[in-house]
Amino acid sequence: MRKLILMSFTCLLFCNPAISSTGWMITRVQYAGTYGNGDVYVVFSDNVNEPQCPAPRIDVPASHPNARNVLATAYAAIASGLTVAVSSSGCFNGYPTLDTAHETGFMLRS
């Protein structure tokens, strides 16, 4: 019985769409910046299809280890005119966000 409960919990943890990544999408950065508390936001030309909070942006908490890298990547995309790839997981402040898992991220595309 204990193994069955553990297996059920594991399946719920990894199969729940609310906590899995949305998959990668290609879009353009419209603008980006920070709030006074250091949280980062990046606004895109297309909606990020996060099931609980679809929006054309991501918000990343200042405590995220790559918050500054996200902002630098967004500015580089704006300056170069390159598209970006983004994959979110979950919501922060009502907007899609990145977690620290390998399946989420934000990168320039050539």
Protein backbone atom coordinates (compact mmCIF):
# COMPACT_ATOMS: atom_id res chain seq x y z
CA MET A 1 0.00 0.00 0.00
CA ARG A 2 2.83 2.37 0.85
CA LYS A 3 4.42 1.78 -2.57
CA LEU A 4 1.09 2.47 -4.30
CA ILE A 5 0.71 5.80 -2.49
CA LEU A 6 4.29 6.75 -3.32
CA MET A 7 3.80 5.84 -6.99
CA SER A 8 0.54 7.82 -7.13
CA PHE A 9 2.19 10.87 -5.60
CA THR A 10 5.11 10.63 -8.04
CA CYS A 11 2.73 10.44 -10.99
CA LEU A 12 0.77 13.45 -9.75
CA LEU A 13 3.98 15.38 -9.26
CA PHE A 14 5.36 14.72 -12.73
CA CYS A 15 2.13 14.37 -14.73
CA ASN A 16 0.29 17.43 -13.47
CA PRO A 17 0.15 20.01 -16.31
CA ALA A 18 0.06 22.86 -13.80
CA ILE A 19 3.62 22.09 -12.72
CA SER A 20 5.17 20.92 -15.97
CA SER A 21 6.88 23.10 -18.52
CA THR A 22 4.84 24.54 -21.40
CA GLY A 23 7.25 23.49 -24.09
CA TRP A 24 9.37 25.85 -26.13
CA MET A 25 7.89 28.68 -28.19
CA ILE A 26 9.56 31.13 -30.57
CA THR A 27 8.67 34.82 -30.29
CA ARG A 28 10.08 38.36 -30.24
CA VAL A 29 10.83 40.52 -27.21
CA GLN A 30 8.82 43.76 -27.22
CA TYR A 31 10.34 45.27 -24.06
CA ALA A 32 11.85 44.24 -20.74
CA GLY A 33 12.80 45.72 -17.39
CA THR A 34 12.84 45.37 -13.63
CA TYR A 35 10.61 46.40 -10.78
CA GLY A 36 11.98 48.27 -7.78
CA ASN A 37 12.35 45.03 -5.84
CA GLY A 38 14.55 43.49 -8.55
CA ASP A 39 11.94 41.21 -10.14
CA VAL A 40 12.41 40.97 -13.93
CA TYR A 41 9.71 41.11 -16.61
CA VAL A 42 9.98 40.39 -20.33
CA VAL A 43 7.09 41.16 -22.70
CA PHE A 44 6.72 39.18 -25.93
CA SER A 45 4.79 39.58 -29.17
CA ASP A 46 2.93 36.29 -28.46
CA ASN A 47 1.21 34.70 -25.46
CA VAL A 48 3.18 32.24 -23.33
CA ASN A 49 0.76 29.34 -23.03
CA GLU A 50 1.10 28.68 -19.31
CA PRO A 51 -2.18 26.89 -18.40
CA GLN A 52 -2.83 28.77 -15.14
CA CYS A 53 -1.76 32.25 -16.32
CA PRO A 54 -1.45 32.71 -20.10
CA ALA A 55 0.03 36.11 -20.94
CA PRO A 56 2.44 37.66 -23.46
CA ARG A 57 5.19 37.96 -20.83
CA ILE A 58 7.20 36.24 -18.15
CA ASP A 59 7.99 37.54 -14.68
CA VAL A 60 11.07 36.19 -12.90
CA PRO A 61 11.65 36.79 -9.18
CA ALA A 62 14.82 38.62 -8.18
CA SER A 63 15.74 35.56 -6.11
CA HIS A 64 15.95 33.36 -9.24
CA PRO A 65 19.63 32.52 -9.88
CA ASN A 66 19.35 33.66 -13.51
CA ALA A 67 17.18 36.77 -13.18
CA ARG A 68 19.97 39.07 -14.39
CA ASN A 69 20.78 36.71 -17.28
CA VAL A 70 17.13 36.76 -18.36
CA LEU A 71 17.18 40.56 -18.45
CA ALA A 72 20.51 40.64 -20.34
CA THR A 73 19.19 38.12 -22.88
CA ALA A 74 16.03 40.18 -23.38
CA TYR A 75 18.04 43.36 -23.97
CA ALA A 76 20.32 41.50 -26.41
CA ALA A 77 17.26 40.26 -28.33
CA ILE A 78 15.88 43.79 -28.57
CA ALA A 79 19.20 45.27 -29.69
CA SER A 80 19.91 42.54 -32.26
CA GLY A 81 16.38 41.97 -33.54
CA LEU A 82 16.79 38.20 -32.99
CA THR A 83 13.93 35.97 -31.95
CA VAL A 84 13.96 34.15 -28.61
CA ALA A 85 12.85 30.74 -27.41
CA VAL A 86 11.06 30.56 -24.07
CA SER A 87 9.64 27.75 -21.97
CA SER A 88 7.88 28.54 -18.70
CA SER A 89 6.68 26.57 -15.71
CA GLY A 90 4.17 27.94 -13.24
CA CYS A 91 3.12 31.47 -12.39
CA PHE A 92 4.68 34.36 -10.48
CA ASN A 93 2.68 37.54 -9.78
CA GLY A 94 -0.02 36.19 -12.09
CA TYR A 95 2.31 35.76 -15.09
CA PRO A 96 4.24 32.80 -16.51
CA THR A 97 7.65 32.31 -14.93
CA LEU A 98 10.81 30.24 -15.12
CA ASP A 99 11.72 27.76 -12.44
CA THR A 100 15.17 26.33 -11.83
CA ALA A 101 14.45 23.07 -13.69
CA HIS A 102 16.31 22.16 -16.85
CA GLU A 103 13.05 22.08 -18.88
CA THR A 104 12.43 25.83 -18.62
CA GLY A 105 14.50 28.61 -20.04
CA PHE A 106 14.96 31.69 -22.16
CA MET A 107 17.47 31.96 -25.03
CA LEU A 108 18.38 33.91 -28.16
CA ARG A 109 17.82 32.32 -31.57
CA SER A 110 19.66 33.13 -34.76
